[in-house]
PDB file of N, CA and C in Angstrom:
ATOM      1  N   MET A   1      83.066  90.145 121.695  1.00  0.00           N
ATOM      2  CA  MET A   1      83.282  90.331 120.141  1.00  0.00           C
ATOM      3  C   MET A   1      84.079  89.326 119.024  1.00  0.00           C
ATOM      4  N   LYS A   2      83.905  89.308 118.130  1.00  0.00           N
ATOM      5  CA  LYS A   2      84.346  88.471 117.793  1.00  0.00           C
ATOM      6  C   LYS A   2      86.191  87.859 117.626  1.00  0.00           C
ATOM      7  N   ASP A   3      86.493  87.405 116.906  1.00  0.00           N
ATOM      8  CA  ASP A   3      87.519  86.496 116.456  1.00  0.00           C
ATOM      9  C   ASP A   3      88.559  87.440 115.556  1.00  0.00           C
ATOM     10  N   SER A   4      89.943  87.794 116.217  1.00  0.00           N
ATOM     11  CA  SER A   4      90.463  88.807 114.154  1.00  0.00           C
ATOM     12  C   SER A   4      90.923  87.894 114.277  1.00  0.00           C
ATOM     13  N   LEU A   5      90.775  88.538 112.841  1.00  0.00           N
ATOM     14  CA  LEU A   5      91.958  87.641 111.500  1.00  0.00           C
ATOM     15  C   LEU A   5      93.447  87.190 111.948  1.00  0.00           C
ATOM     16  N   HIS A   6      93.877  88.563 111.900  1.00  0.00           N
ATOM     17  CA  HIS A   6      95.088  88.531 113.156  1.00  0.00           C
ATOM     18  C   HIS A   6      95.710  88.185 114.635  1.00  0.00           C
ATOM     19  N   GLN A   7      96.229  87.794 115.142  1.00  0.00           N
ATOM     20  CA  GLN A   7      96.855  87.472 116.843  1.00  0.00           C
ATOM     21  C   GLN A   7      97.556  88.772 116.771  1.00  0.00           C
ATOM     22  N   HIS A   8      97.848  89.213 116.338  1.00  0.00           N
ATOM     23  CA  HIS A   8      99.903  89.728 115.811  1.00  0.00           C
ATOM     24  C   HIS A   8      99.514  90.935 115.395  1.00  0.00           C
ATOM     25  N   PRO A   9      99.886  91.941 115.155  1.00  0.00           N
ATOM     26  CA  PRO A   9     100.981  92.801 114.000  1.00  0.00           C
ATOM     27  C   PRO A   9     101.168  92.525 112.793  1.00  0.00           C
ATOM     28  N   SER A  10     100.568  93.070 111.566  1.00  0.00           N
ATOM     29  CA  SER A  10     101.907  92.011 110.415  1.00  0.00           C
ATOM     30  C   SER A  10     103.208  92.600 111.427  1.00  0.00           C
ATOM     31  N   LYS A  11     103.144  94.171 112.062  1.00  0.00           N
ATOM     32  CA  LYS A  11     105.170  94.455 112.390  1.00  0.00           C
ATOM     33  C   LYS A  11     104.661  94.786 113.308  1.00  0.00           C
ATOM     34  N   PRO A  12     105.764  94.098 113.832  1.00  0.00           N
ATOM     35  CA  PRO A  12     105.690  94.278 115.499  1.00  0.00           C
ATOM     36  C   PRO A  12     106.245  95.974 116.586  1.00  0.00           C
ATOM     37  N   ARG A  13     105.624  96.674 116.656  1.00  0.00           N
ATOM     38  CA  ARG A  13     106.021  97.576 117.860  1.00  0.00           C
ATOM     39  C   ARG A  13     106.655  98.195 118.507  1.00  0.00           C
ATOM     40  N   SER A  14     107.582  98.818 117.552  1.00  0.00           N
ATOM     41  CA  SER A  14     108.841  99.331 117.965  1.00  0.00           C
ATOM     42  C   SER A  14     108.571  99.830 119.620  1.00  0.00           C
ATOM     43  N   LYS A  15     109.550  99.728 120.486  1.00  0.00           N
ATOM     44  CA  LYS A  15     109.538 100.229 122.270  1.00  0.00           C
ATOM     45  C   LYS A  15     109.377 100.732 122.071  1.00  0.00           C
ATOM     46  N   ASP A  16     109.443 101.996 121.352  1.00  0.00           N
ATOM     47  CA  ASP A  16     109.509 103.351 121.739  1.00  0.00           C
ATOM     48  C   ASP A  16     107.910 103.441 121.446  1.00  0.00           C
ATOM     49  N   GLU A  17     107.533 103.052 120.332  1.00  0.00           N
ATOM     50  CA  GLU A  17     105.518 103.234 120.151  1.00  0.00           C
ATOM     51  C   GLU A  17     105.619 102.579 121.103  1.00  0.00           C
ATOM     52  N   ILE A  18     105.402 101.676 121.651  1.00  0.00           N
ATOM     53  CA  ILE A  18     105.001 100.549 123.015  1.00  0.00           C
ATOM     54  C   ILE A  18     105.721 101.707 124.004  1.00  0.00           C
ATOM     55  N   GLN A  19     106.197 101.706 124.364  1.00  0.00           N
ATOM     56  CA  GLN A  19     106.515 102.759 125.465  1.00  0.00           C
ATOM     57  C   GLN A  19     105.460 103.932 125.165  1.00  0.00           C
ATOM     58  N   ALA A  20     105.189 104.559 124.654  1.00  0.00           N
ATOM     59  CA  ALA A  20     104.782 106.018 123.743  1.00  0.00           C
ATOM     60  C   ALA A  20     103.212 106.645 124.206  1.00  0.00           C
ATOM     61  N   THR A  21     102.567 104.802 123.988  1.00  0.00           N
ATOM     62  CA  THR A  21     102.071 104.046 124.158  1.00  0.00           C
ATOM     63  C   THR A  21     100.539 104.017 125.432  1.00  0.00           C
ATOM     64  N   VAL A  22     101.643 103.697 125.834  1.00  0.00           N
ATOM     65  CA  VAL A  22     101.393 102.140 126.971  1.00  0.00           C
ATOM     66  C   VAL A  22     101.702 103.628 128.260  1.00  0.00           C
ATOM     67  N   ASN A  23     102.566 104.941 128.140  1.00  0.00           N
ATOM     68  CA  ASN A  23     102.633 105.925 128.894  1.00  0.00           C
ATOM     69  C   ASN A  23     101.131 106.650 128.275  1.00  0.00           C
ATOM     70  N   ARG A  24      99.988 107.296 127.449  1.00  0.00           N
ATOM     71  CA  ARG A  24      99.375 108.183 127.558  1.00  0.00           C
ATOM     72  C   ARG A  24      98.575 107.005 127.943  1.00  0.00           C
ATOM     73  N   LEU A  25      98.085 106.319 128.280  1.00  0.00           N
ATOM     74  CA  LEU A  25      97.718 105.117 128.184  1.00  0.00           C
ATOM     75  C   LEU A  25      97.336 105.144 130.679  1.00  0.00           C
ATOM     76  N   LYS A  26      99.073 105.626 131.351  1.00  0.00           N
ATOM     77  CA  LYS A  26      99.441 105.193 131.858  1.00  0.00           C
ATOM     78  C   LYS A  26      98.512 107.137 132.846  1.00  0.00           C
ATOM     79  N   ARG A  27      98.687 107.955 131.721  1.00  0.00           N
ATOM     80  CA  ARG A  27      98.160 109.434 132.196  1.00  0.00           C
ATOM     81  C   ARG A  27      96.742 109.710 131.700  1.00  0.00           C
ATOM     82  N   ILE A  28      96.374 108.760 131.224  1.00  0.00           N
ATOM     83  CA  ILE A  28      94.646 108.950 130.902  1.00  0.00           C
ATOM     84  C   ILE A  28      94.131 108.113 132.645  1.00  0.00           C
ATOM     85  N   GLU A  29      95.263 107.020 132.715  1.00  0.00           N
ATOM     86  CA  GLU A  29      94.439 106.954 133.945  1.00  0.00           C
ATOM     87  C   GLU A  29      94.872 107.364 135.614  1.00  0.00           C
ATOM     88  N   GLY A  30      95.475 107.687 135.360  1.00  0.00           N
ATOM     89  CA  GLY A  30      95.873 108.928 136.691  1.00  0.00           C
ATOM     90  C   GLY A  30      94.757 109.704 136.573  1.00  0.00           C
ATOM     91  N   GLN A  31      93.947 110.116 135.375  1.00  0.00           N
ATOM     92  CA  GLN A  31      92.747 111.121 134.850  1.00  0.00           C
ATOM     93  C   GLN A  31      92.368 110.432 135.789  1.00  0.00           C
ATOM     94  N   VAL A  32      92.229 109.708 135.822  1.00  0.00           N
ATOM     95  CA  VAL A  32      90.511 108.458 136.111  1.00  0.00           C
ATOM     96  C   VAL A  32      90.351 109.328 138.021  1.00  0.00           C
ATOM     97  N   ARG A  33      92.059 108.374 138.220  1.00  0.00           N
ATOM     98  CA  ARG A  33      91.662 108.620 138.997  1.00  0.00           C
ATOM     99  C   ARG A  33      91.833 109.916 139.995  1.00  0.00           C
ATOM    100  N   GLY A  34      92.919 111.062 139.161  1.00  0.00           N
ATOM    101  CA  GLY A  34      91.751 112.234 139.791  1.00  0.00           C
ATOM    102  C   GLY A  34      90.578 112.445 140.117  1.00  0.00           C
ATOM    103  N   ILE A  35      89.798 111.669 138.931  1.00  0.00           N
ATOM    104  CA  ILE A  35      88.241 112.354 139.558  1.00  0.00           C
ATOM    105  C   ILE A  35      87.113 111.639 139.905  1.00  0.00           C
ATOM    106  N   GLN A  36      87.566 110.305 141.170  1.00  0.00           N
ATOM    107  CA  GLN A  36      88.136 109.027 142.121  1.00  0.00           C
ATOM    108  C   GLN A  36      88.064 110.547 143.250  1.00  0.00           C
ATOM    109  N   LYS A  37      88.546 111.407 142.935  1.00  0.00           N
ATOM    110  CA  LYS A  37      89.416 111.879 144.857  1.00  0.00           C
ATOM    111  C   LYS A  37      88.313 112.975 144.390  1.00  0.00           C
ATOM    112  N   MET A  38      87.504 113.196 143.196  1.00  0.00           N
ATOM    113  CA  MET A  38      87.500 114.774 142.988  1.00  0.00           C
ATOM    114  C   MET A  38      85.420 113.901 143.050  1.00  0.00           C
ATOM    115  N   ILE A  39      85.164 112.624 142.954  1.00  0.00           N
ATOM    116  CA  ILE A  39      83.879 112.352 143.514  1.00  0.00           C
ATOM    117  C   ILE A  39      83.788 112.529 145.185  1.00  0.00           C
ATOM    118  N   GLU A  40      84.894 111.296 145.944  1.00  0.00           N
ATOM    119  CA  GLU A  40      85.298 111.586 147.500  1.00  0.00           C
ATOM    120  C   GLU A  40      84.855 113.438 147.076  1.00  0.00           C
ATOM    121  N   GLU A  41      86.065 114.246 147.482  1.00  0.00           N
ATOM    122  CA  GLU A  41      86.050 115.455 148.091  1.00  0.00           C
ATOM    123  C   GLU A  41      84.791 115.500 147.311  1.00  0.00           C
ATOM    124  N   ASP A  42      83.529 114.704 146.846  1.00  0.00           N
ATOM    125  CA  ASP A  42      82.403 115.817 146.273  1.00  0.00           C
ATOM    126  C   ASP A  42      82.554 117.239 145.601  1.00  0.00           C
ATOM    127  N   ARG A  43      83.630 116.558 144.123  1.00  0.00           N
ATOM    128  CA  ARG A  43      84.066 118.510 144.245  1.00  0.00           C
ATOM    129  C   ARG A  43      82.322 118.967 142.978  1.00  0.00           C
ATOM    130  N   TYR A  44      82.271 120.698 142.789  1.00  0.00           N
ATOM    131  CA  TYR A  44      81.370 120.893 141.659  1.00  0.00           C
ATOM    132  C   TYR A  44      81.042 119.696 140.499  1.00  0.00           C
ATOM    133  N   CYS A  45      79.922 119.144 139.565  1.00  0.00           N
ATOM    134  CA  CYS A  45      79.239 118.513 138.397  1.00  0.00           C
ATOM    135  C   CYS A  45      80.669 119.583 137.612  1.00  0.00           C
ATOM    136  N   VAL A  46      80.850 119.979 137.072  1.00  0.00           N
ATOM    137  CA  VAL A  46      81.398 120.973 136.057  1.00  0.00           C
ATOM    138  C   VAL A  46      82.742 120.632 135.936  1.00  0.00           C
ATOM    139  N   ASP A  47      83.052 120.359 137.274  1.00  0.00           N
ATOM    140  CA  ASP A  47      84.648 120.657 136.982  1.00  0.00           C
ATOM    141  C   ASP A  47      84.513 119.094 137.202  1.00  0.00           C
ATOM    142  N   VAL A  48      84.007 117.589 137.474  1.00  0.00           N
ATOM    143  CA  VAL A  48      84.255 116.690 137.002  1.00  0.00           C
ATOM    144  C   VAL A  48      83.933 115.982 135.610  1.00  0.00           C
ATOM    145  N   LEU A  49      82.926 116.955 135.053  1.00  0.00           N
ATOM    146  CA  LEU A  49      82.589 116.922 133.909  1.00  0.00           C
ATOM    147  C   LEU A  49      83.394 116.901 132.788  1.00  0.00           C
ATOM    148  N   VAL A  50      83.842 118.363 133.104  1.00  0.00           N
ATOM    149  CA  VAL A  50      85.338 118.765 131.799  1.00  0.00           C
ATOM    150  C   VAL A  50      86.676 117.537 132.456  1.00  0.00           C
ATOM    151  N   GLN A  51      86.473 117.487 133.175  1.00  0.00           N
ATOM    152  CA  GLN A  51      87.703 116.513 133.364  1.00  0.00           C
ATOM    153  C   GLN A  51      87.056 114.888 132.925  1.00  0.00           C
ATOM    154  N   ILE A  52      85.954 114.488 132.178  1.00  0.00           N
ATOM    155  CA  ILE A  52      85.719 113.478 132.161  1.00  0.00           C
ATOM    156  C   ILE A  52      85.981 113.928 130.619  1.00  0.00           C
ATOM    157  N   SER A  53      85.603 114.413 130.012  1.00  0.00           N
ATOM    158  CA  SER A  53      85.096 115.275 129.612  1.00  0.00           C
ATOM    159  C   SER A  53      86.426 115.278 128.285  1.00  0.00           C
ATOM    160  N   ALA A  54      88.244 114.976 129.287  1.00  0.00           N
ATOM    161  CA  ALA A  54      89.621 115.219 129.196  1.00  0.00           C
ATOM    162  C   ALA A  54      89.626 114.138 128.827  1.00  0.00           C
ATOM    163  N   ILE A  55      89.645 113.697 129.797  1.00  0.00           N
ATOM    164  CA  ILE A  55      89.926 111.300 129.825  1.00  0.00           C
ATOM    165  C   ILE A  55      89.485 110.794 128.029  1.00  0.00           C
ATOM    166  N   ASN A  56      87.509 111.246 128.099  1.00  0.00           N
ATOM    167  CA  ASN A  56      87.406 110.272 126.288  1.00  0.00           C
ATOM    168  C   ASN A  56      88.492 111.054 124.955  1.00  0.00           C
ATOM    169  N   ALA A  57      88.463 112.277 124.843  1.00  0.00           N
ATOM    170  CA  ALA A  57      89.620 113.241 124.563  1.00  0.00           C
ATOM    171  C   ALA A  57      90.689 112.018 124.222  1.00  0.00           C
ATOM    172  N   ALA A  58      90.586 112.100 125.474  1.00  0.00           N
ATOM    173  CA  ALA A  58      92.268 111.232 125.600  1.00  0.00           C
ATOM    174  C   ALA A  58      92.709 109.798 124.700  1.00  0.00           C
ATOM    175  N   LEU A  59      91.470 109.487 125.481  1.00  0.00           N
ATOM    176  CA  LEU A  59      91.682 108.075 124.689  1.00  0.00           C
ATOM    177  C   LEU A  59      91.577 107.212 123.340  1.00  0.00           C
ATOM    178  N   LYS A  60      90.107 108.822 123.102  1.00  0.00           N
ATOM    179  CA  LYS A  60      89.998 108.929 121.364  1.00  0.00           C
ATOM    180  C   LYS A  60      91.162 109.124 120.947  1.00  0.00           C
ATOM    181  N   LYS A  61      92.021 109.966 120.900  1.00  0.00           N
ATOM    182  CA  LYS A  61      93.625 110.039 120.472  1.00  0.00           C
ATOM    183  C   LYS A  61      94.137 108.691 121.278  1.00  0.00           C
ATOM    184  N   VAL A  62      94.978 108.295 121.440  1.00  0.00           N
ATOM    185  CA  VAL A  62      94.743 106.703 121.980  1.00  0.00           C
ATOM    186  C   VAL A  62      94.551 105.478 120.352  1.00  0.00           C
ATOM    187  N   GLY A  63      93.081 105.866 121.050  1.00  0.00           N
ATOM    188  CA  GLY A  63      92.686 105.706 119.584  1.00  0.00           C
ATOM    189  C   GLY A  63      92.401 104.984 117.773  1.00  0.00           C
ATOM    190  N   TYR A  64      92.663 106.334 118.408  1.00  0.00           N
ATOM    191  CA  TYR A  64      92.697 107.108 116.211  1.00  0.00           C
ATOM    192  C   TYR A  64      94.236 106.908 116.068  1.00  0.00           C
ATOM    193  N   SER A  65      95.255 106.721 116.857  1.00  0.00           N
ATOM    194  CA  SER A  65      96.908 106.526 116.994  1.00  0.00           C
ATOM    195  C   SER A  65      97.120 105.380 116.112  1.00  0.00           C
ATOM    196  N   ILE A  66      96.015 104.210 117.081  1.00  0.00           N
ATOM    197  CA  ILE A  66      95.977 103.246 116.654  1.00  0.00           C
ATOM    198  C   ILE A  66      95.586 102.257 115.403  1.00  0.00           C
ATOM    199  N   THR A  67      95.071 102.866 115.200  1.00  0.00           N
ATOM    200  CA  THR A  67      94.084 102.449 114.288  1.00  0.00           C
ATOM    201  C   THR A  67      95.257 102.881 112.575  1.00  0.00           C
ATOM    202  N   GLU A  68      95.472 104.272 113.018  1.00  0.00           N
ATOM    203  CA  GLU A  68      96.576 104.882 111.372  1.00  0.00           C
ATOM    204  C   GLU A  68      97.375 103.735 111.765  1.00  0.00           C
ATOM    205  N   ARG A  69      98.226 103.319 113.187  1.00  0.00           N
ATOM    206  CA  ARG A  69      99.123 101.957 112.563  1.00  0.00           C
ATOM    207  C   ARG A  69      98.372 100.962 112.006  1.00  0.00           C
ATOM    208  N   HIS A  70      97.252 100.843 112.040  1.00  0.00           N
ATOM    209  CA  HIS A  70      96.630  99.405 111.985  1.00  0.00           C
ATOM    210  C   HIS A  70      96.081  99.529 110.134  1.00  0.00           C
ATOM    211  N   ILE A  71      95.982 100.729 110.529  1.00  0.00           N
ATOM    212  CA  ILE A  71      95.364 100.290 108.545  1.00  0.00           C
ATOM    213  C   ILE A  71      97.173 101.253 108.183  1.00  0.00           C
ATOM    214  N   LYS A  72      97.854 102.205 108.246  1.00  0.00           N
ATOM    215  CA  LYS A  72      99.515 101.842 108.261  1.00  0.00           C
ATOM    216  C   LYS A  72      99.972 100.182 107.579  1.00  0.00           C
ATOM    217  N   HIS A  73      99.863  99.352 109.080  1.00  0.00           N
ATOM    218  CA  HIS A  73     100.725  98.194 108.719  1.00  0.00           C
ATOM    219  C   HIS A  73      99.569  96.678 108.479  1.00  0.00           C
ATOM    220  N   CYS A  74      99.213  96.479 108.935  1.00  0.00           N
ATOM    221  CA  CYS A  74      98.176  95.007 108.501  1.00  0.00           C
ATOM    222  C   CYS A  74      97.382  95.048 107.778  1.00  0.00           C
ATOM    223  N   VAL A  75      96.271  96.201 107.384  1.00  0.00           N
ATOM    224  CA  VAL A  75      95.658  96.912 106.661  1.00  0.00           C
ATOM    225  C   VAL A  75      95.998  95.934 105.453  1.00  0.00           C
ATOM    226  N   SER A  76      97.269  97.044 104.972  1.00  0.00           N
ATOM    227  CA  SER A  76      97.853  97.679 103.757  1.00  0.00           C
ATOM    228  C   SER A  76      98.895  95.656 103.126  1.00  0.00           C
ATOM    229  N   ASP A  77      98.664  95.182 104.335  1.00  0.00           N
ATOM    230  CA  ASP A  77      99.893  94.029 103.982  1.00  0.00           C
ATOM    231  C   ASP A  77      98.073  93.078 104.057  1.00  0.00           C
ATOM    232  N   ALA A  78      97.029  92.947 104.452  1.00  0.00           N
ATOM    233  CA  ALA A  78      96.570  92.344 104.401  1.00  0.00           C
ATOM    234  C   ALA A  78      96.095  92.755 102.752  1.00  0.00           C
ATOM    235  N   ILE A  79      95.998  93.630 102.555  1.00  0.00           N
ATOM    236  CA  ILE A  79      95.172  94.007 101.108  1.00  0.00           C
ATOM    237  C   ILE A  79      96.589  93.289  99.866  1.00  0.00           C
ATOM    238  N   LEU A  80      98.084  93.485 100.148  1.00  0.00           N
ATOM    239  CA  LEU A  80      99.154  93.141  99.310  1.00  0.00           C
ATOM    240  C   LEU A  80      99.361  91.545  99.539  1.00  0.00           C
ATOM    241  N   SER A  81      98.412  91.149 100.588  1.00  0.00           N
ATOM    242  CA  SER A  81      98.540  89.653 100.347  1.00  0.00           C
ATOM    243  C   SER A  81      97.268  88.998 100.212  1.00  0.00           C
ATOM    244  N   GLY A  82      96.032  89.693  99.410  1.00  0.00           N
ATOM    245  CA  GLY A  82      94.954  89.434  98.466  1.00  0.00           C
ATOM    246  C   GLY A  82      93.561  89.504  99.890  1.00  0.00           C
ATOM    247  N   ASN A  83      94.244  88.930 101.431  1.00  0.00           N
ATOM    248  CA  ASN A  83      93.137  88.895 101.917  1.00  0.00           C
ATOM    249  C   ASN A  83      93.168  90.875 102.363  1.00  0.00           C
ATOM    250  N   GLY A  84      92.358  91.446 101.802  1.00  0.00           N
ATOM    251  CA  GLY A  84      91.824  92.600 101.680  1.00  0.00           C
ATOM    252  C   GLY A  84      90.236  93.478 102.302  1.00  0.00           C
ATOM    253  N   ASP A  85      90.002  92.815 101.226  1.00  0.00           N
ATOM    254  CA  ASP A  85      88.118  92.647 101.819  1.00  0.00           C
ATOM    255  C   ASP A  85      87.800  91.944 103.495  1.00  0.00           C
ATOM    256  N   GLU A  86      88.348  91.439 103.732  1.00  0.00           N
ATOM    257  CA  GLU A  86      88.114  90.522 105.109  1.00  0.00           C
ATOM    258  C   GLU A  86      89.248  90.902 106.352  1.00  0.00           C
ATOM    259  N   THR A  87      89.890  92.109 106.119  1.00  0.00           N
ATOM    260  CA  THR A  87      90.673  92.921 106.563  1.00  0.00           C
ATOM    261  C   THR A  87      89.706  94.079 106.975  1.00  0.00           C
ATOM    262  N   ILE A  88      88.927  94.405 105.680  1.00  0.00           N
ATOM    263  CA  ILE A  88      88.672  96.325 105.824  1.00  0.00           C
ATOM    264  C   ILE A  88      87.483  96.084 106.095  1.00  0.00           C
ATOM    265  N   GLU A  89      86.310  94.305 106.360  1.00  0.00           N
ATOM    266  CA  GLU A  89      85.458  94.331 107.110  1.00  0.00           C
ATOM    267  C   GLU A  89      85.599  93.659 108.203  1.00  0.00           C
ATOM    268  N   GLU A  90      86.908  93.555 108.898  1.00  0.00           N
ATOM    269  CA  GLU A  90      86.717  93.165 110.279  1.00  0.00           C
ATOM    270  C   GLU A  90      87.245  95.093 110.715  1.00  0.00           C
ATOM    271  N   LEU A  91      88.294  95.609 110.040  1.00  0.00           N
ATOM    272  CA  LEU A  91      88.616  97.460 110.321  1.00  0.00           C
ATOM    273  C   LEU A  91      86.891  98.079 110.829  1.00  0.00           C
ATOM    274  N   MET A  92      86.250  97.658 109.491  1.00  0.00           N
ATOM    275  CA  MET A  92      84.626  98.376 109.668  1.00  0.00           C
ATOM    276  C   MET A  92      83.971  98.530 110.776  1.00  0.00           C
ATOM    277  N   ASP A  93      83.917  96.959 111.094  1.00  0.00           N
ATOM    278  CA  ASP A  93      82.972  96.480 112.118  1.00  0.00           C
ATOM    279  C   ASP A  93      83.440  97.319 113.565  1.00  0.00           C
ATOM    280  N   VAL A  94      84.849  96.695 113.583  1.00  0.00           N
ATOM    281  CA  VAL A  94      86.325  97.509 114.917  1.00  0.00           C
ATOM    282  C   VAL A  94      85.453  99.070 115.129  1.00  0.00           C
ATOM    283  N   MET A  95      85.451  99.989 113.964  1.00  0.00           N
ATOM    284  CA  MET A  95      85.549 101.634 113.790  1.00  0.00           C
ATOM    285  C   MET A  95      83.671 101.072 114.049  1.00  0.00           C
ATOM    286  N   LYS A  96      82.559 100.908 113.829  1.00  0.00           N
ATOM    287  CA  LYS A  96      81.426 100.969 114.671  1.00  0.00           C
ATOM    288  C   LYS A  96      81.865 100.948 116.178  1.00  0.00           C
ATOM    289  N   GLN A  97      82.800 100.022 115.967  1.00  0.00           N
ATOM    290  CA  GLN A  97      82.237 100.001 117.715  1.00  0.00           C
ATOM    291  C   GLN A  97      82.758 101.682 118.397  1.00  0.00           C
ATOM    292  N   PHE A  98      83.841 101.898 118.578  1.00  0.00           N
ATOM    293  CA  PHE A  98      84.882 103.172 118.939  1.00  0.00           C
ATOM    294  C   PHE A  98      84.186 104.651 118.002  1.00  0.00           C
ATOM    295  N   SER A  99      83.401 104.212 117.408  1.00  0.00           N
ATOM    296  CA  SER A  99      82.180 105.267 116.495  1.00  0.00           C
ATOM    297  C   SER A  99      80.493 104.864 118.203  1.00  0.00           C
ATOM    298  N   LYS A 100      80.616 104.848 118.891  1.00  0.00           N
ATOM    299  CA  LYS A 100      79.351 104.879 119.692  1.00  0.00           C
ATOM    300  C   LYS A 100      79.596 105.603 121.165  1.00  0.00           C
TER     301      LYS A 100
END
């Protein structure tokens, strides 16, 4: 992955925002462990696939949330400071990865 333009967000995340995202990721982590257990128990394939789909949806939701924050703060600030083109290009590159 190429180096990002900024190492830290232009507006630091609040403690509540960090905690909410970490909590979502912990729930996803638990779902992944649940799938591992389902495989160990040789559960029905469709049941496993439904859980995988739920995890994919949850990860996308986290990704969209982070993307929204990035646009509202980092990209917006970069545009206002005259660095919009580079930041938008960086965002487009990551969105291409995100959409794969």
